[in-house]
Amino acid sequence: MKTLAILVGGGPAPGINAVIAAATIEARNRGARVLGCYDGFKWLVEGDLEHVTELTINELSHIHFDGGSIIRTSRTNPARTPDGPGRVAETLKRLGVDYLITIGGDDTAFAVSRVARALPGLAVAHVPKTIDNDLPLPSDIVTFGFTTACGLGKDLVRNLMQDAATTERWFFVTVMGRRAGHLALGIGGAAGATLTVVAEEFPESKIALDRLADVLEGAIIKRRLHGRNHGVAILSEGLAEKLDLESLGPVERDQYGNVRLAELDLGRMLKDRVAGRLRERNVDVTIVAKDLGYELRCAPPGAHDIQYSRSLGYWATRFLLEGGSSAMVTIQAGRLVPIPFGLLLDPKTGKIRVRYVEVDSEMYQTLYAYMIRLKPEDFDDPASVAALAKAGNLSESEFVKRFAPVVGRA
């Protein structure tokens, strides 16, 4: 009897259990044994044979409705040390594993590509999972979990928008998305937030905190001109990774070397900077910083993510049992399209490529058109400049000097 092992790496995303269930059911129906490896690579890299469980059809037949992961997850990185992938490979060999399905994002994909190299004969398939939607897929193909996260995030932000209007305050909401701003834009656009700011707007490698503060302060001034002292600004978490981190003091990193962005508290830093500036000019604005992300990751998957995830799990198993290996499994235009690991790697970094927001796309331009923020045309009419300067308690020359660079009019 052949053995299929399944593990989950990285953060949770709605739909994980649907992948596990579909993969297990198809493998069992084809006569294979299925093992669930608890906590991603954590125990495999230690040579531990005990933290596995045999998965059967009866216990998994209805878990596709549930959020979370029945075999949990972790960010343990076996590629952190030169011998790590080999130790995972040895443990899998001792467990008698012939096939391995990993469910995760770019870090997990990179790690399993190294494990596959260390154990010739092991057939490996990776299922792309992340609410960040940043894996290198065609632009119209989302990663599972993204749709559900956007839907729930939209409802939460809508509540904050109502609170902002009721209490006349601003919310600065930082949304998960380490490198790419897809989730922030998806939530901000669906909710109709006042504005959404993503790292892809800034082509330079580093951003000064003051530059981000200027974008937000400019939006607040423009809203005041419209007679509104409230709003909700959505901030992509990836903005924090572009800051000069060394100037912010010691930063905590995970096993893949990624900065723990939640620990930086981007929203609070920007709130303090913007509120302090406005206070100096006697502009009375209340700002509240919020983080949004952990609430989204273990939500029950919506209908799209259930069906999408089940399809990925089913075809990942079919791909392996029918002789495929060393690829990320995708469904494109309703068909299975395996992408070999080699095509996922960035030749410059050797890591998995990241799919960024395309700020020159019609999709982004549509979202941008509905945002209330300073734009180039605000500086074309002297009357507009005068009105905005007055709303910000600035002289016209001070206003232009401070905010023209925000829209590229320096």
Protein backbone atom coordinates (compact mmCIF):
# COMPACT_ATOMS: atom_id res chain seq x y z
CA MET A 1 0.00 0.00 0.00
CA LYS A 2 1.35 3.43 -0.98
CA THR A 3 1.35 6.21 1.63
CA LEU A 4 0.42 9.85 1.15
CA ALA A 5 1.41 12.42 3.79
CA ILE A 6 -0.20 15.86 4.15
CA LEU A 7 1.13 18.85 6.10
CA VAL A 8 0.28 22.55 6.44
CA GLY A 9 2.82 25.38 6.73
CA GLY A 10 2.52 29.11 7.41
CA GLY A 11 -0.55 30.94 8.64
CA PRO A 12 -4.10 29.58 8.57
CA ALA A 13 -6.46 30.34 5.68
CA PRO A 14 -10.13 29.43 5.13
CA GLY A 15 -10.29 26.21 3.09
CA ILE A 16 -7.38 24.21 4.52
CA ASN A 17 -9.63 21.49 5.88
CA ALA A 18 -11.42 21.22 2.52
CA VAL A 19 -8.06 20.49 0.83
CA ILE A 20 -7.16 17.91 3.46
CA ALA A 21 -10.55 16.19 3.20
CA ALA A 22 -10.64 16.04 -0.60
CA ALA A 23 -7.03 14.83 -0.86
CA THR A 24 -7.63 12.15 1.77
CA ILE A 25 -10.89 10.90 0.26
CA GLU A 26 -9.43 10.58 -3.23
CA ALA A 27 -6.28 8.84 -1.96
CA ARG A 28 -8.28 6.41 0.19
CA ASN A 29 -10.64 5.65 -2.69
CA ARG A 30 -7.58 4.76 -4.77
CA GLY A 31 -6.21 2.40 -2.12
CA ALA A 32 -3.58 4.62 -0.53
CA ARG A 33 -2.90 5.16 3.16
CA VAL A 34 -3.00 8.79 4.32
CA LEU A 35 -1.02 10.38 7.16
CA GLY A 36 -1.59 13.86 8.55
CA CYS A 37 1.60 15.44 9.87
CA TYR A 38 0.90 17.73 12.81
CA ASP A 39 2.39 21.24 12.95
CA GLY A 40 3.89 21.41 9.48
CA PHE A 41 7.59 20.51 9.36
CA LYS A 42 8.07 20.98 13.11
CA TRP A 43 8.27 17.32 14.16
CA LEU A 44 9.54 15.90 10.88
CA VAL A 45 12.70 18.00 11.07
CA GLU A 46 13.31 16.59 14.57
CA GLY A 47 12.97 12.99 13.40
CA ASP A 48 9.78 12.56 15.49
CA LEU A 49 7.54 9.73 14.20
CA GLU A 50 4.81 10.18 16.80
CA HIS A 51 3.19 13.45 15.72
CA VAL A 52 1.32 11.95 12.79
CA THR A 53 -2.21 10.65 12.55
CA GLU A 54 -3.87 8.32 10.08
CA LEU A 55 -6.62 10.15 8.19
CA THR A 56 -9.79 8.31 7.17
CA ILE A 57 -12.82 9.21 5.10
CA ASN A 58 -15.38 8.94 7.89
CA GLU A 59 -13.73 11.46 10.19
CA LEU A 60 -13.08 13.99 7.40
CA SER A 61 -16.21 13.84 5.29
CA HIS A 62 -17.69 17.09 6.68
CA ILE A 63 -14.68 19.13 7.79
CA HIS A 64 -14.74 21.21 4.59
CA PHE A 65 -17.23 23.50 6.33
CA ASP A 66 -14.76 24.35 9.11
CA GLY A 67 -12.03 26.97 9.38
CA GLY A 68 -8.60 26.23 10.82
CA SER A 69 -6.59 23.06 10.21
CA ILE A 70 -7.28 19.71 11.85
CA ILE A 71 -3.55 18.92 11.65
CA ARG A 72 -2.59 22.42 12.79
CA THR A 73 0.23 24.41 11.17
CA SER A 74 3.56 26.02 11.99
CA ARG A 75 6.26 28.21 10.44
CA THR A 76 9.09 25.75 11.13
CA ASN A 77 11.61 26.15 8.31
CA PRO A 78 13.55 22.96 7.48
CA ALA A 79 15.71 24.89 5.00
CA ARG A 80 17.00 27.10 7.81
CA THR A 81 19.98 24.79 8.22
CA PRO A 82 21.85 22.88 5.51
CA ASP A 83 20.88 19.49 6.96
CA GLY A 84 17.22 20.38 7.68
CA PRO A 85 15.69 19.18 4.39
CA GLY A 86 17.66 15.95 4.68
CA ARG A 87 16.35 15.32 8.19
CA VAL A 88 12.76 15.82 7.00
CA ALA A 89 13.44 13.48 4.09
CA GLU A 90 14.81 10.81 6.43
CA THR A 91 11.77 11.04 8.71
CA LEU A 92 9.40 10.72 5.75
CA LYS A 93 11.39 7.72 4.55
CA ARG A 94 11.07 6.05 7.97
CA LEU A 95 7.31 6.70 7.87
CA GLY A 96 7.15 4.97 4.50
CA VAL A 97 5.85 8.05 2.70
CA ASP A 98 5.69 7.82 -1.09
CA TYR A 99 3.77 11.03 -1.79
CA LEU A 100 3.69 14.38 0.02
CA ILE A 101 1.14 17.19 -0.28
CA THR A 102 2.09 20.48 1.34
CA ILE A 103 -0.46 23.25 1.85
CA GLY A 104 1.04 26.69 2.26
CA GLY A 105 2.43 29.92 0.85
CA ASP A 106 5.74 30.89 -0.68
CA ASP A 107 7.88 29.89 2.32
CA THR A 108 6.34 26.41 2.49
CA ALA A 109 6.70 25.97 -1.27
CA PHE A 110 10.38 26.86 -1.07
CA ALA A 111 10.96 24.49 1.87
CA VAL A 112 9.26 21.52 0.21
CA SER A 113 11.19 22.08 -3.02
CA ARG A 114 14.36 21.55 -0.96
CA VAL A 115 12.93 18.44 0.73
CA ALA A 116 12.07 16.99 -2.69
CA ARG A 117 15.71 17.41 -3.72
CA ALA A 118 16.86 15.60 -0.58
CA LEU A 119 14.70 12.50 -1.14
CA PRO A 120 14.81 11.18 -4.72
CA GLY A 121 11.70 9.17 -5.47
CA LEU A 122 9.44 11.21 -3.18
CA ALA A 123 6.60 12.67 -5.24
CA VAL A 124 5.67 16.15 -4.02
CA ALA A 125 2.77 18.50 -4.79
CA HIS A 126 2.25 21.94 -3.26
CA VAL A 127 -1.21 23.49 -2.86
CA PRO A 128 -1.08 27.34 -2.90
CA LYS A 129 -2.66 28.72 0.27
CA THR A 130 -2.56 32.28 1.54
CA ILE A 131 -5.03 35.05 2.26
CA ASP A 132 -2.29 37.39 0.98
CA ASN A 133 -2.95 36.20 -2.61
CA ASP A 134 0.72 36.77 -3.45
CA LEU A 135 1.86 33.50 -5.03
CA PRO A 136 3.03 33.62 -8.68
CA LEU A 137 -0.21 32.69 -10.41
CA PRO A 138 -1.95 34.37 -13.38
CA SER A 139 -3.54 37.64 -12.25
CA ASP A 140 -7.09 36.29 -12.43
CA ILE A 141 -6.37 33.19 -10.31
CA VAL A 142 -6.69 33.76 -6.56
CA THR A 143 -5.18 31.65 -3.81
CA PHE A 144 -7.69 29.83 -1.66
CA GLY A 145 -8.76 31.67 1.47
CA PHE A 146 -8.44 35.08 -0.16
CA THR A 147 -12.10 35.37 -1.19
CA THR A 148 -13.43 34.44 2.25
CA ALA A 149 -10.96 36.78 3.98
CA CYS A 150 -12.03 39.66 1.72
CA GLY A 151 -15.69 39.01 2.44
CA LEU A 152 -15.31 38.89 6.21
CA GLY A 153 -12.88 41.82 6.18
CA LYS A 154 -15.37 43.89 4.20
CA ASP A 155 -18.02 43.35 6.89
CA LEU A 156 -15.63 44.29 9.70
CA VAL A 157 -14.45 47.44 7.93
CA ARG A 158 -18.04 48.40 7.15
CA ASN A 159 -18.75 48.30 10.89
CA LEU A 160 -15.74 50.55 11.51
CA MET A 161 -16.97 52.96 8.85
CA GLN A 162 -20.31 53.20 10.64
CA ASP A 163 -18.52 53.76 13.95
CA ALA A 164 -16.32 56.44 12.36
CA ALA A 165 -19.35 58.34 11.03
CA THR A 166 -21.22 57.99 14.32
CA THR A 167 -18.39 59.16 16.57
CA GLU A 168 -16.57 61.47 14.09
CA ARG A 169 -13.20 59.77 14.21
CA TRP A 170 -10.69 58.16 11.88
CA PHE A 171 -9.58 54.54 11.88
CA PHE A 172 -6.17 53.52 10.54
CA VAL A 173 -6.64 49.81 9.82
CA THR A 174 -3.54 47.70 9.06
CA VAL A 175 -4.47 44.63 7.00
CA MET A 176 -2.31 41.50 6.65
CA GLY A 177 -0.21 41.14 3.53
CA ARG A 178 3.51 40.86 4.12
CA ARG A 179 4.75 41.75 0.65
CA ALA A 180 1.70 42.42 -1.50
CA GLY A 181 -1.36 44.60 -0.98
CA HIS A 182 -4.03 42.37 -2.57
CA LEU A 183 -5.95 41.71 0.65
CA ALA A 184 -5.89 45.36 1.75
CA LEU A 185 -7.19 46.47 -1.66
CA GLY A 186 -9.77 43.69 -1.80
CA ILE A 187 -11.19 44.64 1.59
CA GLY A 188 -10.88 48.39 1.13
CA GLY A 189 -12.45 48.32 -2.32
CA ALA A 190 -15.34 46.06 -1.31
CA ALA A 191 -16.12 48.11 1.81
CA GLY A 192 -15.71 51.46 0.06
CA ALA A 193 -13.15 52.62 2.62
CA THR A 194 -12.00 56.23 2.38
CA LEU A 195 -8.64 55.18 0.98
CA THR A 196 -6.32 52.18 0.80
CA VAL A 197 -2.54 52.56 0.78
CA VAL A 198 -0.36 49.67 -0.43
CA ALA A 199 3.41 49.28 -0.67
CA GLU A 200 3.27 48.83 -4.45
CA GLU A 201 2.44 52.54 -4.81
CA PHE A 202 6.04 53.30 -3.82
CA PRO A 203 8.62 52.03 -6.32
CA GLU A 204 11.57 52.85 -4.07
CA SER A 205 12.98 50.12 -1.83
CA LYS A 206 12.62 52.18 1.37
CA ILE A 207 9.87 54.57 2.49
CA ALA A 208 10.18 57.24 5.15
CA LEU A 209 7.48 57.07 7.81
CA ASP A 210 6.84 60.78 7.21
CA ARG A 211 5.95 60.07 3.59
CA LEU A 212 3.21 57.65 4.62
CA ALA A 213 2.03 60.14 7.24
CA ASP A 214 1.74 62.80 4.52
CA VAL A 215 -0.55 60.57 2.43
CA LEU A 216 -2.88 60.01 5.39
CA GLU A 217 -2.78 63.61 6.61
CA GLY A 218 -3.59 64.79 3.09
CA ALA A 219 -6.64 62.51 2.99
CA ILE A 220 -7.85 63.84 6.34
CA ILE A 221 -7.50 67.44 5.10
CA LYS A 222 -9.42 66.64 1.90
CA ARG A 223 -12.24 65.03 3.90
CA ARG A 224 -12.38 68.12 6.13
CA LEU A 225 -12.80 70.24 3.02
CA HIS A 226 -15.82 68.06 2.18
CA GLY A 227 -17.26 68.74 5.64
CA ARG A 228 -16.46 65.31 7.08
CA ASN A 229 -14.26 64.74 10.09
CA HIS A 230 -14.22 60.96 9.85
CA GLY A 231 -12.93 58.19 7.64
CA VAL A 232 -11.29 54.76 7.44
CA ALA A 233 -7.83 54.33 5.92
CA ILE A 234 -6.74 50.78 5.03
CA LEU A 235 -2.99 50.18 5.23
CA SER A 236 -1.25 47.18 3.72
CA GLU A 237 0.98 45.45 6.28
CA GLY A 238 3.70 45.31 3.63
CA LEU A 239 4.23 49.05 4.03
CA ALA A 240 6.01 48.29 7.31
CA GLU A 241 8.54 46.05 5.55
CA LYS A 242 9.54 49.00 3.34
CA LEU A 243 10.28 51.26 6.29
CA ASP A 244 13.81 51.85 7.51
CA LEU A 245 13.49 49.12 10.14
CA GLU A 246 16.87 49.74 11.72
CA SER A 247 15.75 53.21 12.76
CA LEU A 248 12.81 51.67 14.62
CA GLY A 249 14.94 49.59 16.98
CA PRO A 250 15.23 45.78 17.32
CA VAL A 251 12.75 43.78 15.25
CA GLU A 252 11.57 40.20 15.75
CA ARG A 253 11.81 37.70 12.88
CA ASP A 254 10.32 34.25 12.23
CA GLN A 255 12.25 31.13 11.15
CA TYR A 256 12.13 32.17 7.50
CA GLY A 257 13.79 35.49 8.35
CA ASN A 258 10.60 37.48 7.85
CA VAL A 259 10.03 40.45 10.14
CA ARG A 260 7.06 39.89 12.45
CA LEU A 261 5.22 42.87 11.05
CA ALA A 262 2.40 42.69 13.60
CA GLU A 263 4.94 43.54 16.28
CA LEU A 264 5.86 46.84 14.57
CA ASP A 265 2.36 48.30 15.06
CA LEU A 266 2.36 50.35 11.86
CA GLY A 267 -1.08 51.84 12.54
CA ARG A 268 -0.06 53.17 15.95
CA MET A 269 3.15 54.73 14.60
CA LEU A 270 1.25 56.53 11.85
CA LYS A 271 -1.54 57.55 14.19
CA ASP A 272 0.93 59.18 16.57
CA ARG A 273 2.76 60.95 13.75
CA VAL A 274 -0.36 62.28 11.97
CA ALA A 275 -2.27 63.21 15.12
CA GLY A 276 0.78 65.05 16.48
CA ARG A 277 1.16 67.12 13.32
CA LEU A 278 -2.51 68.07 13.20
CA ARG A 279 -2.53 68.91 16.90
CA GLU A 280 0.34 71.37 16.35
CA ARG A 281 -1.93 73.30 13.94
CA ASN A 282 -5.00 73.08 16.19
CA VAL A 283 -6.77 70.63 13.89
CA ASP A 284 -8.94 68.46 16.12
CA VAL A 285 -9.01 64.87 14.82
CA THR A 286 -9.42 61.61 16.76
CA ILE A 287 -7.54 58.64 15.26
CA VAL A 288 -7.78 54.99 16.35
CA ALA A 289 -5.32 52.35 15.12
CA LYS A 290 -6.63 48.83 14.43
CA ASP A 291 -5.07 45.63 13.09
CA LEU A 292 -7.05 43.27 10.89
CA GLY A 293 -5.82 39.82 9.95
CA TYR A 294 -5.94 37.18 12.64
CA GLU A 295 -9.76 37.50 12.66
CA LEU A 296 -9.81 36.43 9.00
CA ARG A 297 -7.51 33.41 8.91
CA CYS A 298 -9.62 30.72 10.60
CA ALA A 299 -13.04 31.84 9.41
CA PRO A 300 -15.30 29.13 7.96
CA PRO A 301 -14.69 29.18 4.20
CA GLY A 302 -17.31 30.61 1.89
CA ALA A 303 -18.89 28.65 -0.95
CA HIS A 304 -16.22 29.61 -3.48
CA ASP A 305 -13.31 28.67 -1.24
CA ILE A 306 -14.92 25.36 -0.23
CA GLN A 307 -15.37 24.23 -3.82
CA TYR A 308 -12.04 25.69 -4.97
CA SER A 309 -10.12 24.06 -2.10
CA ARG A 310 -11.77 20.69 -2.59
CA SER A 311 -10.84 20.80 -6.26
CA LEU A 312 -7.21 21.61 -5.39
CA GLY A 313 -7.03 18.74 -2.90
CA TYR A 314 -8.61 16.25 -5.28
CA TRP A 315 -6.34 17.15 -8.19
CA ALA A 316 -3.21 17.33 -6.05
CA THR A 317 -3.80 13.68 -5.16
CA ARG A 318 -4.63 12.70 -8.74
CA PHE A 319 -1.49 14.50 -9.94
CA LEU A 320 0.72 12.52 -7.55
CA LEU A 321 -0.90 9.12 -7.96
CA GLU A 322 -0.75 9.44 -11.74
CA GLY A 323 2.99 10.09 -11.75
CA GLY A 324 3.37 13.86 -11.30
CA SER A 325 5.76 15.55 -8.88
CA SER A 326 7.67 18.69 -7.89
CA ALA A 327 5.00 21.21 -8.85
CA MET A 328 2.47 23.62 -7.43
CA VAL A 329 -1.03 22.47 -8.28
CA THR A 330 -3.32 25.14 -9.74
CA ILE A 331 -6.74 25.22 -11.36
CA GLN A 332 -6.87 27.61 -14.31
CA ALA A 333 -9.95 28.07 -16.51
CA GLY A 334 -11.37 24.99 -14.78
CA ARG A 335 -8.41 22.78 -15.65
CA LEU A 336 -5.46 21.34 -13.73
CA VAL A 337 -2.27 23.27 -14.47
CA PRO A 338 0.75 22.04 -12.48
CA ILE A 339 3.53 24.68 -12.27
CA PRO A 340 6.99 23.10 -11.80
CA PHE A 341 8.92 24.37 -8.77
CA GLY A 342 11.68 25.66 -11.03
CA LEU A 343 9.30 28.13 -12.67
CA LEU A 344 8.24 29.52 -9.29
CA LEU A 345 11.73 30.61 -8.27
CA ASP A 346 13.08 34.11 -8.71
CA PRO A 347 16.50 33.66 -10.38
CA LYS A 348 17.88 36.68 -8.50
CA THR A 349 16.91 35.63 -4.98
CA GLY A 350 16.48 31.88 -5.32
CA LYS A 351 13.18 32.25 -3.42
CA ILE A 352 9.60 31.84 -4.62
CA ARG A 353 8.49 34.80 -6.75
CA VAL A 354 5.91 37.20 -5.30
CA ARG A 355 2.82 38.39 -7.17
CA TYR A 356 2.44 42.10 -6.48
CA VAL A 357 -0.46 44.48 -7.07
CA GLU A 358 -0.19 45.98 -10.56
CA VAL A 359 -0.80 49.68 -9.90
CA ASP A 360 -1.04 50.41 -13.63
CA SER A 361 -3.90 47.92 -14.11
CA GLU A 362 -7.49 48.96 -14.76
CA MET A 363 -8.54 47.09 -11.61
CA TYR A 364 -6.31 49.20 -9.38
CA GLN A 365 -7.19 52.42 -11.21
CA THR A 366 -10.89 51.74 -10.60
CA LEU A 367 -10.29 51.37 -6.86
CA TYR A 368 -8.04 54.45 -6.83
CA ALA A 369 -10.70 56.55 -8.58
CA TYR A 370 -13.12 56.02 -5.68
CA MET A 371 -10.58 56.85 -2.94
CA ILE A 372 -10.74 60.19 -1.14
CA ARG A 373 -7.12 61.28 -1.01
CA LEU A 374 -4.96 64.01 -2.49
CA LYS A 375 -4.52 63.55 -6.24
CA PRO A 376 -2.58 65.49 -8.90
CA GLU A 377 -5.67 67.34 -10.12
CA ASP A 378 -6.14 68.88 -6.66
CA PHE A 379 -3.12 71.07 -7.40
CA ASP A 380 -4.25 72.24 -10.85
CA ASP A 381 -6.80 74.81 -9.61
CA PRO A 382 -5.55 77.64 -7.34
CA ALA A 383 -8.97 77.83 -5.70
CA SER A 384 -8.75 74.14 -4.79
CA VAL A 385 -5.29 74.62 -3.31
CA ALA A 386 -6.50 77.60 -1.26
CA ALA A 387 -9.48 75.66 0.09
CA LEU A 388 -7.39 72.62 1.00
CA ALA A 389 -4.75 74.79 2.71
CA LYS A 390 -7.46 76.46 4.78
CA ALA A 391 -8.92 73.05 5.77
CA GLY A 392 -5.47 72.02 7.00
CA ASN A 393 -4.75 75.30 8.83
CA LEU A 394 -1.80 75.95 6.51
CA SER A 395 -0.82 78.76 4.22
CA GLU A 396 -1.06 77.98 0.52
CA SER A 397 2.71 77.89 0.14
CA GLU A 398 3.08 75.61 3.17
CA PHE A 399 0.39 73.30 1.84
CA VAL A 400 2.00 73.02 -1.60
CA LYS A 401 5.45 72.47 -0.13
CA ARG A 402 4.21 69.71 2.20
CA PHE A 403 1.75 67.85 0.00
CA ALA A 404 2.60 68.42 -3.65
CA PRO A 405 5.34 65.71 -3.37
CA VAL A 406 2.66 63.27 -2.17
CA VAL A 407 1.10 63.29 -5.64
CA GLY A 408 4.34 63.64 -7.60
CA ARG A 409 4.13 67.41 -8.07
CA ALA A 410 7.34 68.33 -6.26
